[in-house]
Amino acid sequence: MEKLTQQEEQAMQAVWKIGEGNVKSFMQALEEPFPPYTTLASTIKNLEKKGYLQSRLIGNSYLYAPAITEEAYKQKFMGNVVKDYFENSYKELVSFFVEKNKISADELKEIIGLIEKKDQ
């Protein structure tokens, strides 16, 4: 599975939000500023070539649907981020966010609660 560009990730966010749809429906799910229609159409085609989307022809237009779930994408690429930048340690990842003041003590307590609940 190939890493997506920022533009491709934004398009995939719209696809995951809509489910199955055409380029116009994905355009409406994006936040402003909207890319040109032709740029989005090109991005959608690239996502299909990369295996992230599947398409079917209905009349004279294509409907696209995700070929991978958002959860599967997150799992794959968050795992790579942890491996590549945090010595394969989620503890290092959390420590990084603590040091950068990107996570509060209350949020950490909430995370610990989630972990403890899952272990029960």
C-alpha atoms as a PDB file:
ATOM      1  CA  MET A   1       0.000   0.000   0.000  1.00  0.00           C
ATOM      2  CA  GLU A   2       1.505   3.269  -1.158  1.00  0.00           C
ATOM      3  CA  LYS A   3       1.548   6.358   1.078  1.00  0.00           C
ATOM      4  CA  LEU A   4      -0.866   9.043  -0.062  1.00  0.00           C
ATOM      5  CA  THR A   5      -0.056  12.669  -0.769  1.00  0.00           C
ATOM      6  CA  GLN A   6      -1.859  15.343   1.226  1.00  0.00           C
ATOM      7  CA  GLN A   7      -4.153  16.003  -1.745  1.00  0.00           C
ATOM      8  CA  GLU A   8      -4.943  12.287  -2.049  1.00  0.00           C
ATOM      9  CA  GLU A   9      -5.616  12.001   1.684  1.00  0.00           C
ATOM     10  CA  GLN A  10      -8.062  14.906   1.494  1.00  0.00           C
ATOM     11  CA  ALA A  11      -9.846  13.223  -1.398  1.00  0.00           C
ATOM     12  CA  MET A  12      -9.971   9.934   0.516  1.00  0.00           C
ATOM     13  CA  GLN A  13     -11.459  11.737   3.531  1.00  0.00           C
ATOM     14  CA  ALA A  14     -14.279  12.916   1.249  1.00  0.00           C
ATOM     15  CA  VAL A  15     -14.711   9.414  -0.193  1.00  0.00           C
ATOM     16  CA  TRP A  16     -14.869   7.826   3.266  1.00  0.00           C
ATOM     17  CA  LYS A  17     -17.400  10.474   4.314  1.00  0.00           C
ATOM     18  CA  ILE A  18     -19.647   9.921   1.275  1.00  0.00           C
ATOM     19  CA  GLY A  19     -19.122   6.201   0.718  1.00  0.00           C
ATOM     20  CA  GLU A  20     -19.930   5.613  -2.924  1.00  0.00           C
ATOM     21  CA  GLY A  21     -20.251   8.588  -5.224  1.00  0.00           C
ATOM     22  CA  ASN A  22     -19.018  10.533  -8.201  1.00  0.00           C
ATOM     23  CA  VAL A  23     -16.393  13.271  -8.363  1.00  0.00           C
ATOM     24  CA  LYS A  24     -19.034  15.979  -7.920  1.00  0.00           C
ATOM     25  CA  SER A  25     -20.338  14.420  -4.685  1.00  0.00           C
ATOM     26  CA  PHE A  26     -16.796  14.142  -3.328  1.00  0.00           C
ATOM     27  CA  MET A  27     -16.174  17.789  -4.236  1.00  0.00           C
ATOM     28  CA  GLN A  28     -19.152  18.794  -2.090  1.00  0.00           C
ATOM     29  CA  ALA A  29     -17.732  16.859   0.872  1.00  0.00           C
ATOM     30  CA  LEU A  30     -14.418  18.758   0.767  1.00  0.00           C
ATOM     31  CA  GLU A  31     -13.717  21.884   2.763  1.00  0.00           C
ATOM     32  CA  GLU A  32     -13.000  25.188   1.061  1.00  0.00           C
ATOM     33  CA  PRO A  33     -10.961  26.162  -0.819  1.00  0.00           C
ATOM     34  CA  PHE A  34     -12.111  23.519  -3.278  1.00  0.00           C
ATOM     35  CA  PRO A  35      -9.636  22.184  -5.810  1.00  0.00           C
ATOM     36  CA  PRO A  36     -10.571  22.549  -9.474  1.00  0.00           C
ATOM     37  CA  TYR A  37     -12.930  19.768 -10.603  1.00  0.00           C
ATOM     38  CA  THR A  38     -10.354  18.404 -13.055  1.00  0.00           C
ATOM     39  CA  THR A  39      -7.710  18.219 -10.308  1.00  0.00           C
ATOM     40  CA  LEU A  40     -10.028  16.235  -8.051  1.00  0.00           C
ATOM     41  CA  ALA A  41     -11.035  13.966 -10.948  1.00  0.00           C
ATOM     42  CA  SER A  42      -7.351  13.309 -11.641  1.00  0.00           C
ATOM     43  CA  THR A  43      -6.692  12.610  -7.959  1.00  0.00           C
ATOM     44  CA  ILE A  44      -9.617  10.170  -7.858  1.00  0.00           C
ATOM     45  CA  LYS A  45      -8.236   8.331 -10.910  1.00  0.00           C
ATOM     46  CA  ASN A  46      -4.801   8.127  -9.250  1.00  0.00           C
ATOM     47  CA  LEU A  47      -6.382   6.714  -6.098  1.00  0.00           C
ATOM     48  CA  GLU A  48      -8.085   4.077  -8.203  1.00  0.00           C
ATOM     49  CA  LYS A  49      -4.765   3.180  -9.881  1.00  0.00           C
ATOM     50  CA  LYS A  50      -3.115   2.887  -6.459  1.00  0.00           C
ATOM     51  CA  GLY A  51      -5.849   0.502  -5.326  1.00  0.00           C
ATOM     52  CA  TYR A  52      -7.541   2.790  -2.801  1.00  0.00           C
ATOM     53  CA  LEU A  53     -10.745   3.129  -4.825  1.00  0.00           C
ATOM     54  CA  GLN A  54     -12.833   0.867  -6.979  1.00  0.00           C
ATOM     55  CA  SER A  55     -15.179   2.095  -9.674  1.00  0.00           C
ATOM     56  CA  ARG A  56     -18.165   0.986 -11.649  1.00  0.00           C
ATOM     57  CA  LEU A  57     -19.714   2.530 -14.715  1.00  0.00           C
ATOM     58  CA  ILE A  58     -23.355   3.559 -14.376  1.00  0.00           C
ATOM     59  CA  GLY A  59     -24.695   4.947 -17.643  1.00  0.00           C
ATOM     60  CA  ASN A  60     -21.998   7.310 -18.807  1.00  0.00           C
ATOM     61  CA  SER A  61     -20.487   8.175 -15.436  1.00  0.00           C
ATOM     62  CA  TYR A  62     -18.296   6.393 -12.920  1.00  0.00           C
ATOM     63  CA  LEU A  63     -19.174   5.802  -9.304  1.00  0.00           C
ATOM     64  CA  TYR A  64     -16.252   5.333  -6.960  1.00  0.00           C
ATOM     65  CA  ALA A  65     -16.154   3.576  -3.613  1.00  0.00           C
ATOM     66  CA  PRO A  66     -13.365   3.018  -1.110  1.00  0.00           C
ATOM     67  CA  ALA A  67     -11.421  -0.205  -1.572  1.00  0.00           C
ATOM     68  CA  ILE A  68      -9.831   0.245   1.871  1.00  0.00           C
ATOM     69  CA  THR A  69     -11.425   1.389   5.105  1.00  0.00           C
ATOM     70  CA  GLU A  70     -10.310   4.519   6.871  1.00  0.00           C
ATOM     71  CA  GLU A  71      -9.434   2.372   9.886  1.00  0.00           C
ATOM     72  CA  ALA A  72      -7.160   0.095   7.830  1.00  0.00           C
ATOM     73  CA  TYR A  73      -5.397   3.127   6.345  1.00  0.00           C
ATOM     74  CA  LYS A  74      -4.850   4.701   9.769  1.00  0.00           C
ATOM     75  CA  GLN A  75      -3.574   1.449  11.221  1.00  0.00           C
ATOM     76  CA  LYS A  76      -1.075   0.922   8.409  1.00  0.00           C
ATOM     77  CA  PHE A  77       0.349   4.425   8.306  1.00  0.00           C
ATOM     78  CA  MET A  78       0.287   5.217  12.006  1.00  0.00           C
ATOM     79  CA  GLY A  79       2.241   2.013  12.507  1.00  0.00           C
ATOM     80  CA  ASN A  80       4.791   3.251   9.963  1.00  0.00           C
ATOM     81  CA  VAL A  81       5.056   6.642  11.689  1.00  0.00           C
ATOM     82  CA  VAL A  82       5.709   4.969  15.029  1.00  0.00           C
ATOM     83  CA  LYS A  83       8.251   2.614  13.458  1.00  0.00           C
ATOM     84  CA  ASP A  84      10.055   5.272  11.409  1.00  0.00           C
ATOM     85  CA  TYR A  85      10.058   8.214  13.837  1.00  0.00           C
ATOM     86  CA  PHE A  86       9.594   6.802  17.351  1.00  0.00           C
ATOM     87  CA  GLU A  87      11.817   3.706  17.415  1.00  0.00           C
ATOM     88  CA  ASN A  88       8.725   1.492  17.095  1.00  0.00           C
ATOM     89  CA  SER A  89       7.587   2.671  20.540  1.00  0.00           C
ATOM     90  CA  TYR A  90       4.145   4.092  21.229  1.00  0.00           C
ATOM     91  CA  LYS A  91       5.533   5.267  24.567  1.00  0.00           C
ATOM     92  CA  GLU A  92       8.016   7.430  22.637  1.00  0.00           C
ATOM     93  CA  LEU A  93       5.140   8.774  20.540  1.00  0.00           C
ATOM     94  CA  VAL A  94       3.153   9.778  23.634  1.00  0.00           C
ATOM     95  CA  SER A  95       6.280  11.242  25.261  1.00  0.00           C
ATOM     96  CA  PHE A  96       6.852  13.369  22.174  1.00  0.00           C
ATOM     97  CA  PHE A  97       3.352  14.838  22.411  1.00  0.00           C
ATOM     98  CA  VAL A  98       3.739  15.424  26.155  1.00  0.00           C
ATOM     99  CA  GLU A  99       7.035  17.267  25.634  1.00  0.00           C
ATOM    100  CA  LYS A 100       5.501  19.430  22.900  1.00  0.00           C
ATOM    101  CA  ASN A 101       2.501  20.241  25.142  1.00  0.00           C
ATOM    102  CA  LYS A 102       0.155  18.658  22.595  1.00  0.00           C
ATOM    103  CA  ILE A 103      -1.529  16.382  25.140  1.00  0.00           C
ATOM    104  CA  SER A 104      -2.777  17.280  28.595  1.00  0.00           C
ATOM    105  CA  ALA A 105      -2.701  15.333  31.860  1.00  0.00           C
ATOM    106  CA  ASP A 106      -6.482  14.942  31.640  1.00  0.00           C
ATOM    107  CA  GLU A 107      -6.176  13.483  28.128  1.00  0.00           C
ATOM    108  CA  LEU A 108      -3.488  11.078  29.339  1.00  0.00           C
ATOM    109  CA  LYS A 109      -5.745   9.984  32.216  1.00  0.00           C
ATOM    110  CA  GLU A 110      -8.525   9.403  29.696  1.00  0.00           C
ATOM    111  CA  ILE A 111      -6.187   7.302  27.536  1.00  0.00           C
ATOM    112  CA  ILE A 112      -5.102   5.272  30.577  1.00  0.00           C
ATOM    113  CA  GLY A 113      -8.770   4.726  31.403  1.00  0.00           C
ATOM    114  CA  LEU A 114      -9.385   3.430  27.878  1.00  0.00           C
ATOM    115  CA  ILE A 115      -6.428   1.050  28.152  1.00  0.00           C
ATOM    116  CA  GLU A 116      -7.520  -0.238  31.561  1.00  0.00           C
ATOM    117  CA  LYS A 117     -11.092  -0.694  30.353  1.00  0.00           C
ATOM    118  CA  LYS A 118      -9.879  -2.673  27.347  1.00  0.00           C
ATOM    119  CA  ASP A 119      -7.700  -4.922  29.565  1.00  0.00           C
ATOM    120  CA  GLN A 120     -10.696  -5.951  31.712  1.00  0.00           C
END
